[in-house]
N, C-alpha and C. Protein backbone atom coordinates (compact mmCIF):
# COMPACT_ATOMS: atom_id res chain seq x y z
N UNK A 1 0.84 -1.13 -0.05
CA UNK A 1 -0.03 -0.10 -0.02
C UNK A 1 0.88 1.23 -0.01
N UNK A 2 2.02 1.20 0.82
CA UNK A 2 2.63 2.33 0.90
C UNK A 2 3.59 2.62 -0.39
N UNK A 3 4.17 1.49 -1.06
CA UNK A 3 4.85 1.62 -2.07
C UNK A 3 4.03 2.24 -3.21
N UNK A 4 2.77 1.70 -3.35
CA UNK A 4 1.92 2.03 -4.50
C UNK A 4 1.63 3.73 -4.33
N UNK A 5 1.20 4.13 -3.14
CA UNK A 5 1.25 5.55 -2.79
C UNK A 5 2.38 6.41 -3.24
N UNK A 6 3.55 5.75 -2.80
CA UNK A 6 4.96 6.75 -3.05
C UNK A 6 4.91 6.86 -4.57
N UNK A 7 4.37 5.91 -5.39
CA UNK A 7 4.48 6.01 -6.81
C UNK A 7 3.34 6.59 -7.45
N UNK A 8 2.72 7.48 -6.70
CA UNK A 8 1.63 8.24 -7.26
C UNK A 8 0.25 7.60 -7.59
N UNK A 9 0.30 6.22 -6.87
CA UNK A 9 -1.20 5.86 -7.09
C UNK A 9 -1.99 5.54 -5.90
N UNK A 10 -3.14 5.75 -6.16
CA UNK A 10 -4.11 5.75 -4.79
C UNK A 10 -4.48 4.21 -4.45
N UNK A 11 -4.59 4.05 -3.09
CA UNK A 11 -4.87 2.77 -2.78
C UNK A 11 -6.25 2.64 -1.91
N UNK A 12 -7.26 1.83 -2.41
CA UNK A 12 -8.50 1.86 -1.60
C UNK A 12 -8.95 0.38 -1.20
N UNK A 13 -9.16 0.36 0.03
CA UNK A 13 -9.30 -1.01 0.52
C UNK A 13 -10.75 -1.17 0.77
N UNK A 14 -11.38 -2.31 0.19
CA UNK A 14 -12.61 -2.72 0.56
C UNK A 14 -12.93 -3.81 1.35
N UNK A 15 -13.44 -3.58 2.61
CA UNK A 15 -13.31 -4.72 3.71
C UNK A 15 -15.04 -5.03 3.77
N UNK A 16 -15.18 -6.33 3.68
CA UNK A 16 -16.57 -6.94 3.94
C UNK A 16 -16.51 -7.57 5.08
N UNK A 17 -17.63 -7.81 5.78
CA UNK A 17 -17.82 -8.62 7.00
C UNK A 17 -19.15 -9.05 7.12
N UNK A 18 -19.39 -10.45 7.68
CA UNK A 18 -20.63 -10.88 7.69
C UNK A 18 -21.05 -11.93 6.62
N UNK A 19 -22.19 -12.32 6.77
CA UNK A 19 -22.64 -13.47 5.87
C UNK A 19 -23.69 -12.84 4.86
N UNK A 20 -23.53 -12.85 3.64
CA UNK A 20 -24.35 -12.42 2.61
C UNK A 20 -25.76 -13.24 2.75
N UNK A 21 -26.94 -12.76 2.55
CA UNK A 21 -28.18 -13.56 2.61
C UNK A 21 -28.50 -14.05 1.27
N UNK A 22 -27.75 -13.76 0.36
CA UNK A 22 -28.06 -14.46 -1.10
C UNK A 22 -29.20 -13.59 -1.80
N UNK A 23 -29.71 -12.46 -1.14
CA UNK A 23 -30.71 -11.83 -1.90
C UNK A 23 -30.26 -10.30 -2.19
N UNK A 24 -30.55 -9.55 -3.13
CA UNK A 24 -30.10 -8.09 -3.26
C UNK A 24 -31.23 -7.40 -2.71
N UNK A 25 -30.95 -6.17 -2.28
CA UNK A 25 -31.64 -5.33 -1.92
C UNK A 25 -31.72 -4.67 -0.39
N UNK A 26 -31.93 -3.72 -0.01
CA UNK A 26 -31.76 -3.10 1.40
C UNK A 26 -32.33 -3.87 2.41
N UNK A 27 -33.59 -4.46 2.05
CA UNK A 27 -34.20 -5.31 3.13
C UNK A 27 -33.44 -6.65 3.56
N UNK A 28 -32.80 -6.97 2.55
CA UNK A 28 -31.93 -8.30 2.76
C UNK A 28 -30.75 -8.08 3.66
N UNK A 29 -30.53 -6.69 3.69
CA UNK A 29 -29.12 -6.57 4.25
C UNK A 29 -29.23 -5.86 5.69
N UNK A 30 -30.16 -6.24 6.74
CA UNK A 30 -30.26 -5.78 7.76
C UNK A 30 -29.00 -5.44 8.39
N UNK A 31 -28.74 -4.30 9.10
CA UNK A 31 -27.30 -3.57 9.50
C UNK A 31 -26.74 -5.02 10.41
N UNK A 32 -25.79 -5.59 10.04
CA UNK A 32 -25.19 -6.75 10.63
C UNK A 32 -24.50 -6.21 11.83
N UNK A 33 -24.23 -6.76 12.72
CA UNK A 33 -23.24 -6.56 14.10
C UNK A 33 -21.97 -6.68 13.58
N UNK A 34 -21.11 -5.51 13.43
CA UNK A 34 -19.77 -5.64 13.12
C UNK A 34 -18.92 -5.66 14.19
N UNK A 35 -18.38 -6.61 14.72
CA UNK A 35 -17.42 -6.45 16.12
C UNK A 35 -16.40 -5.32 16.02
N UNK A 36 -16.38 -4.77 17.32
CA UNK A 36 -15.44 -3.82 17.48
C UNK A 36 -14.02 -3.99 16.98
N UNK A 37 -13.67 -5.29 17.28
CA UNK A 37 -12.35 -5.65 16.72
C UNK A 37 -12.09 -5.61 15.13
N UNK A 38 -13.20 -5.87 14.45
CA UNK A 38 -12.91 -5.66 13.10
C UNK A 38 -12.92 -4.26 12.75
N UNK A 39 -13.68 -3.43 13.27
CA UNK A 39 -13.82 -2.01 12.98
C UNK A 39 -12.39 -1.57 13.50
N UNK A 40 -11.89 -1.86 14.53
CA UNK A 40 -10.67 -1.25 14.99
C UNK A 40 -9.64 -1.68 13.97
N UNK A 41 -9.87 -2.81 13.51
CA UNK A 41 -8.43 -3.36 12.81
C UNK A 41 -8.57 -2.62 11.33
N UNK A 42 -9.63 -2.24 10.80
CA UNK A 42 -9.99 -1.59 9.54
C UNK A 42 -9.36 -0.29 9.69
N UNK A 43 -9.75 0.42 10.79
CA UNK A 43 -9.43 1.81 10.99
C UNK A 43 -7.91 1.92 11.21
N UNK A 44 -7.51 1.31 12.05
CA UNK A 44 -5.86 1.13 12.30
C UNK A 44 -5.14 0.84 11.15
N UNK A 45 -5.71 -0.06 10.34
CA UNK A 45 -4.86 -0.38 8.97
C UNK A 45 -4.74 0.66 8.37
N UNK A 46 -5.96 1.39 7.92
CA UNK A 46 -6.14 2.57 7.28
C UNK A 46 -5.21 3.90 7.70
N UNK A 47 -5.04 3.90 9.17
CA UNK A 47 -4.27 5.01 9.67
C UNK A 47 -2.68 4.71 9.27
N UNK A 48 -2.59 3.47 9.53
CA UNK A 48 -1.17 2.99 9.32
C UNK A 48 -0.58 3.13 7.92
N UNK A 49 -1.64 2.97 6.97
CA UNK A 49 -0.96 2.99 5.73
C UNK A 49 -1.49 4.16 4.73
N UNK A 50 -2.06 5.05 5.24
CA UNK A 50 -2.37 6.28 4.62
C UNK A 50 -1.10 7.29 4.14
N UNK A 51 -0.84 7.55 3.04
CA UNK A 51 0.16 8.62 2.71
C UNK A 51 -0.71 9.71 2.02
N UNK A 52 -1.99 9.99 2.34
CA UNK A 52 -2.80 10.97 1.71
C UNK A 52 -3.31 10.57 0.38
N UNK A 53 -3.18 9.28 -0.03
CA UNK A 53 -3.75 8.87 -1.38
C UNK A 53 -4.36 7.44 -0.99
N UNK A 54 -5.13 7.22 0.01
CA UNK A 54 -5.72 6.26 0.17
C UNK A 54 -7.33 6.14 0.81
N UNK A 55 -7.85 5.11 0.95
CA UNK A 55 -9.31 5.32 1.33
C UNK A 55 -9.65 3.84 1.99
N UNK A 56 -10.72 3.61 2.51
CA UNK A 56 -11.31 2.52 3.06
C UNK A 56 -12.71 2.27 3.26
N UNK A 57 -13.33 1.26 3.28
CA UNK A 57 -14.66 1.22 3.45
C UNK A 57 -14.82 -0.18 4.17
N UNK A 58 -15.83 -0.14 5.14
CA UNK A 58 -16.19 -1.39 5.72
C UNK A 58 -17.84 -1.72 5.70
N UNK A 59 -17.99 -2.73 4.96
CA UNK A 59 -19.45 -2.99 4.59
C UNK A 59 -20.03 -4.42 4.92
N UNK A 60 -21.19 -4.58 4.91
CA UNK A 60 -21.31 -6.24 4.99
C UNK A 60 -21.27 -6.72 3.65
N UNK A 61 -21.09 -8.04 3.79
CA UNK A 61 -20.92 -8.73 2.31
C UNK A 61 -21.85 -8.41 1.32
N UNK A 62 -21.38 -7.86 0.24
CA UNK A 62 -22.04 -7.56 -0.77
C UNK A 62 -23.07 -6.67 -0.73
N UNK A 63 -22.87 -5.60 0.29
CA UNK A 63 -23.72 -4.69 0.83
C UNK A 63 -23.60 -3.36 0.21
N UNK A 64 -22.77 -2.97 -0.72
CA UNK A 64 -22.48 -1.76 -1.24
C UNK A 64 -23.54 -0.84 -1.70
N UNK A 65 -23.83 0.25 -0.98
CA UNK A 65 -24.52 1.19 -1.29
C UNK A 65 -26.00 1.15 -0.91
N UNK A 66 -26.29 0.23 0.01
CA UNK A 66 -27.56 -0.07 0.52
C UNK A 66 -28.12 0.62 1.70
N UNK A 67 -27.84 2.03 1.64
CA UNK A 67 -28.31 2.65 2.88
C UNK A 67 -27.96 2.40 4.24
N UNK A 68 -28.95 1.93 5.15
CA UNK A 68 -28.35 1.50 6.56
C UNK A 68 -27.49 0.64 6.76
N UNK A 69 -27.25 -0.31 5.53
CA UNK A 69 -26.38 -1.42 5.76
C UNK A 69 -25.04 -1.07 5.17
N UNK A 70 -24.79 0.22 4.79
CA UNK A 70 -23.56 0.75 4.04
C UNK A 70 -22.69 1.34 5.32
N UNK A 71 -21.70 0.66 5.78
CA UNK A 71 -20.97 1.15 6.71
C UNK A 71 -19.61 1.71 6.28
N UNK A 72 -19.71 2.52 5.27
CA UNK A 72 -18.52 2.90 4.80
C UNK A 72 -17.95 4.17 5.51
N UNK A 73 -18.72 4.65 6.43
CA UNK A 73 -18.19 5.87 7.32
C UNK A 73 -18.91 5.52 8.74
N UNK A 74 -17.80 5.51 9.67
CA UNK A 74 -18.37 5.36 11.07
C UNK A 74 -18.01 6.58 11.90
N UNK A 75 -18.55 7.25 12.85
CA UNK A 75 -18.28 8.16 13.81
C UNK A 75 -16.81 8.09 14.20
N UNK A 76 -16.16 6.98 14.57
CA UNK A 76 -14.94 6.93 14.94
C UNK A 76 -13.78 7.35 13.83
N UNK A 77 -14.15 7.26 12.59
CA UNK A 77 -13.30 7.49 11.36
C UNK A 77 -13.12 9.03 11.22
N UNK A 78 -13.96 9.71 12.13
CA UNK A 78 -13.59 11.42 12.21
C UNK A 78 -12.75 11.65 13.38
N UNK A 79 -12.23 10.75 14.17
CA UNK A 79 -11.47 10.95 15.31
C UNK A 79 -10.23 11.87 14.85
N UNK A 80 -10.06 13.02 15.50
CA UNK A 80 -9.02 13.87 15.36
C UNK A 80 -7.54 13.45 15.79
N UNK A 81 -6.90 12.68 14.96
CA UNK A 81 -5.57 12.01 15.30
C UNK A 81 -4.40 12.97 14.93
N UNK A 82 -4.70 14.10 14.11
CA UNK A 82 -3.86 15.07 13.66
C UNK A 82 -3.10 14.38 12.53
N UNK A 83 -1.85 15.01 12.11
CA UNK A 83 -1.10 14.69 10.99
C UNK A 83 -0.07 13.55 11.47
N UNK A 84 0.26 12.71 10.62
CA UNK A 84 1.25 11.69 11.02
C UNK A 84 2.35 12.42 11.27
N UNK A 85 3.41 11.84 12.28
CA UNK A 85 4.70 12.47 12.49
C UNK A 85 5.84 11.60 11.93
N UNK A 86 5.45 10.52 11.39
CA UNK A 86 6.50 9.63 10.62
C UNK A 86 5.73 8.41 9.88
N UNK A 87 6.54 7.97 9.22
CA UNK A 87 5.95 6.23 8.52
C UNK A 87 5.68 5.53 9.68
N UNK A 88 4.81 4.37 9.21
CA UNK A 88 4.75 3.40 10.01
C UNK A 88 5.85 2.56 10.33
N UNK A 89 6.08 2.05 11.46
CA UNK A 89 7.43 1.08 11.62
C UNK A 89 6.91 -0.17 12.28
N UNK A 90 7.70 -1.28 11.89
CA UNK A 90 7.45 -2.45 12.44
C UNK A 90 8.54 -2.99 13.52
N UNK A 91 8.02 -3.41 14.64
CA UNK A 91 8.85 -3.66 15.69
C UNK A 91 9.21 -5.17 15.67
N UNK A 92 10.33 -5.62 16.14
CA UNK A 92 10.62 -7.07 16.15
C UNK A 92 9.63 -7.96 16.78
N UNK A 93 8.58 -7.60 17.47
CA UNK A 93 7.49 -8.26 17.91
C UNK A 93 6.49 -8.62 16.93
N UNK A 94 6.62 -7.73 15.85
CA UNK A 94 5.57 -7.70 14.67
C UNK A 94 4.77 -6.84 14.64
N UNK A 95 4.70 -5.75 15.79
CA UNK A 95 3.70 -5.13 15.90
C UNK A 95 4.02 -3.80 15.05
N UNK A 96 3.03 -3.40 14.18
CA UNK A 96 3.08 -2.12 13.67
C UNK A 96 2.74 -1.08 14.27
N UNK A 97 3.29 0.27 14.09
CA UNK A 97 2.87 1.50 14.88
C UNK A 97 3.34 2.73 13.97
N UNK A 98 2.32 3.68 14.55
CA UNK A 98 2.51 4.91 13.63
C UNK A 98 2.15 5.95 14.89
N UNK A 99 2.87 7.10 14.89
CA UNK A 99 2.54 8.28 15.82
C UNK A 99 1.93 9.27 14.91
N UNK A 100 0.85 9.90 15.44
CA UNK A 100 0.28 11.11 15.01
C UNK A 100 0.39 12.35 15.88
N UNK A 101 0.16 13.44 15.60
CA UNK A 101 0.10 14.55 16.34
C UNK A 101 -0.67 14.28 17.69
N UNK A 102 -1.93 13.64 17.44
CA UNK A 102 -2.56 13.71 18.89
C UNK A 102 -3.15 12.12 18.84
N UNK A 103 -2.30 11.24 18.60
CA UNK A 103 -2.66 9.66 18.63
C UNK A 103 -1.49 8.69 18.32
N UNK A 104 -1.58 7.40 18.81
CA UNK A 104 -0.75 6.50 18.50
C UNK A 104 -1.59 5.39 17.94
N UNK A 105 -1.14 4.65 16.94
CA UNK A 105 -1.82 3.56 16.27
C UNK A 105 -1.00 2.34 16.44
N UNK A 106 -1.60 1.10 16.49
CA UNK A 106 -0.84 -0.09 16.60
C UNK A 106 -1.65 -1.30 16.00
N UNK A 107 -0.91 -2.22 15.59
CA UNK A 107 -1.75 -3.46 14.73
C UNK A 107 -0.74 -4.49 15.01
N UNK A 108 -1.19 -5.80 15.54
CA UNK A 108 -0.67 -7.00 15.63
C UNK A 108 -0.90 -8.10 14.66
N UNK A 109 -0.25 -8.02 13.43
CA UNK A 109 -0.67 -9.25 12.58
C UNK A 109 -0.28 -10.67 12.80
N UNK A 110 0.74 -10.57 14.07
CA UNK A 110 1.11 -11.87 14.52
C UNK A 110 2.15 -12.47 13.73
N UNK A 111 3.15 -11.59 13.37
CA UNK A 111 4.38 -12.09 12.54
C UNK A 111 5.72 -11.77 13.30
N UNK A 112 5.69 -11.74 14.65
CA UNK A 112 6.86 -11.48 15.24
C UNK A 112 8.05 -12.56 15.14
N UNK A 113 9.18 -12.09 15.40
CA UNK A 113 10.17 -13.01 15.22
C UNK A 113 10.20 -14.21 16.36
N UNK A 114 9.95 -13.76 17.64
CA UNK A 114 9.88 -14.69 18.80
C UNK A 114 8.91 -15.82 18.64
N UNK A 115 7.65 -15.17 18.54
CA UNK A 115 6.53 -15.97 18.64
C UNK A 115 5.33 -15.66 17.77
N UNK A 116 5.23 -16.05 16.62
CA UNK A 116 4.47 -15.27 15.64
C UNK A 116 2.79 -15.47 16.00
N UNK A 117 2.54 -16.13 17.00
CA UNK A 117 1.16 -16.28 17.31
C UNK A 117 0.97 -15.70 18.75
N UNK A 118 1.82 -15.04 19.34
CA UNK A 118 1.68 -14.59 20.76
C UNK A 118 1.13 -13.23 20.88
N UNK A 119 0.47 -12.95 22.03
CA UNK A 119 0.21 -11.45 22.25
C UNK A 119 1.62 -10.85 22.79
N UNK A 120 1.61 -9.58 22.51
CA UNK A 120 2.81 -8.80 22.90
C UNK A 120 2.31 -7.79 23.84
N UNK A 121 3.41 -7.12 24.73
CA UNK A 121 3.13 -6.12 25.34
C UNK A 121 3.60 -4.71 24.67
N UNK A 122 3.02 -3.86 24.48
CA UNK A 122 3.49 -2.72 23.74
C UNK A 122 3.63 -1.38 24.81
N UNK A 123 5.03 -0.99 24.97
CA UNK A 123 5.20 0.05 26.02
C UNK A 123 4.44 1.23 25.26
N UNK A 124 3.86 2.17 26.33
CA UNK A 124 3.24 3.35 25.84
C UNK A 124 4.20 4.63 26.54
N UNK A 125 4.60 5.60 25.81
CA UNK A 125 5.25 6.53 26.33
C UNK A 125 4.67 7.41 27.46
N UNK A 126 5.47 7.61 28.40
CA UNK A 126 5.03 8.19 29.78
C UNK A 126 4.74 9.69 29.37
N UNK A 127 3.62 10.15 30.28
CA UNK A 127 3.41 11.66 30.50
C UNK A 127 2.11 11.87 29.69
N UNK A 128 1.24 10.94 29.30
CA UNK A 128 -0.10 11.14 28.68
C UNK A 128 -1.00 10.07 29.37
N UNK A 129 -2.18 10.41 29.12
CA UNK A 129 -3.17 9.37 29.26
C UNK A 129 -4.03 9.12 28.01
N UNK A 130 -4.26 7.96 27.69
CA UNK A 130 -4.75 7.55 26.31
C UNK A 130 -6.23 7.06 26.45
N UNK A 131 -6.82 7.30 25.25
CA UNK A 131 -8.32 6.79 25.49
C UNK A 131 -8.38 6.22 24.02
N UNK A 132 -9.12 4.95 24.01
CA UNK A 132 -9.39 4.17 22.53
C UNK A 132 -10.37 4.93 21.86
N UNK A 133 -9.96 5.14 20.58
CA UNK A 133 -11.00 5.83 19.65
C UNK A 133 -12.35 5.06 19.58
N UNK A 134 -12.39 3.68 19.81
CA UNK A 134 -13.51 2.96 19.70
C UNK A 134 -14.02 2.46 21.02
N UNK A 135 -13.58 2.98 22.06
CA UNK A 135 -14.04 2.67 23.32
C UNK A 135 -13.91 3.84 24.34
N UNK A 136 -14.01 3.54 25.46
CA UNK A 136 -13.92 4.58 26.64
C UNK A 136 -13.08 4.30 27.73
N UNK A 137 -12.11 3.32 27.52
CA UNK A 137 -11.18 2.80 28.43
C UNK A 137 -10.01 3.65 28.49
N UNK A 138 -9.43 4.05 29.76
CA UNK A 138 -8.21 4.82 30.11
C UNK A 138 -6.98 4.13 30.14
N UNK A 139 -6.00 4.47 29.54
CA UNK A 139 -4.73 3.70 29.82
C UNK A 139 -3.78 4.92 30.33
N UNK A 140 -3.32 4.62 31.49
CA UNK A 140 -2.42 5.56 32.03
C UNK A 140 -0.99 5.56 31.44
N UNK A 141 -0.43 6.69 31.58
CA UNK A 141 1.01 6.98 31.23
C UNK A 141 1.96 6.09 31.62
N UNK A 142 2.96 5.70 31.05
CA UNK A 142 3.92 4.67 31.46
C UNK A 142 3.68 3.16 31.41
N UNK A 143 2.59 2.99 31.04
CA UNK A 143 2.04 1.50 31.15
C UNK A 143 2.34 0.84 29.87
N UNK A 144 1.69 -0.30 29.50
CA UNK A 144 1.72 -1.17 28.30
C UNK A 144 0.57 -1.54 27.72
N UNK A 145 0.23 -1.54 26.52
CA UNK A 145 -0.78 -1.91 25.98
C UNK A 145 -0.62 -3.56 25.38
N UNK A 146 -1.55 -4.35 25.88
CA UNK A 146 -1.52 -5.76 25.51
C UNK A 146 -2.45 -5.95 24.06
N UNK A 147 -1.58 -6.42 22.99
CA UNK A 147 -2.34 -6.51 21.92
C UNK A 147 -2.21 -8.34 21.33
N UNK A 148 -3.15 -8.92 21.39
CA UNK A 148 -3.40 -10.35 20.81
C UNK A 148 -3.11 -10.25 19.27
N UNK A 149 -2.95 -11.37 18.69
CA UNK A 149 -2.51 -11.60 17.31
C UNK A 149 -3.95 -10.89 16.59
N UNK A 150 -3.93 -10.35 15.61
CA UNK A 150 -5.10 -9.57 14.90
C UNK A 150 -5.78 -8.47 15.61
N UNK A 151 -5.16 -8.04 16.64
CA UNK A 151 -5.64 -6.93 17.35
C UNK A 151 -4.98 -5.78 17.07
N UNK A 152 -5.66 -4.40 17.30
CA UNK A 152 -5.21 -3.20 16.88
C UNK A 152 -5.69 -2.39 18.17
N UNK A 153 -4.98 -1.23 18.03
CA UNK A 153 -5.77 0.03 18.87
C UNK A 153 -5.37 1.31 18.34
N UNK A 154 -6.36 2.29 18.31
CA UNK A 154 -6.10 3.63 17.96
C UNK A 154 -6.11 4.56 19.30
N UNK A 155 -5.11 5.06 19.73
CA UNK A 155 -5.17 5.60 21.15
C UNK A 155 -4.86 6.96 21.01
N UNK A 156 -5.99 7.89 21.49
CA UNK A 156 -5.89 9.29 21.21
C UNK A 156 -5.70 9.81 22.61
N UNK A 157 -5.08 11.07 22.66
CA UNK A 157 -4.81 11.72 23.80
C UNK A 157 -5.98 12.06 24.74
N UNK A 158 -6.29 11.59 25.74
CA UNK A 158 -7.47 11.93 26.66
C UNK A 158 -7.36 13.36 27.03
């Protein structure tokens, strides 16, 4: 994604979740429950990979453009994270991270050198209190964030 954008090409990720009913039309696509973890992963992946030439959508399977079932924008997507302060980086643990003016973003795809299927502890910089963009939990400064495989977090300054 990053390489494509560096070469002047836009990148758009289409993410589908849920089971398609097999019928077309808005009535066949009642708003499915999209788990918070899925939405968090899509949002974190977008923030990690955006070089100002990308976009993303999250819809139920085969639900493009069906009004209430079209989840291409969520309120959390408008979270003010500020501008990125650098490119995404990958730690030896396999966790990807990126710092923004008002947020930290993490994603654990489970590809760490030591244990590719293990949860990892990600140290948080001291001096701030963090709030998850998709939740209300508070993480105190100087602590650590535990991320299991396929888990992510968008932490904004509280």
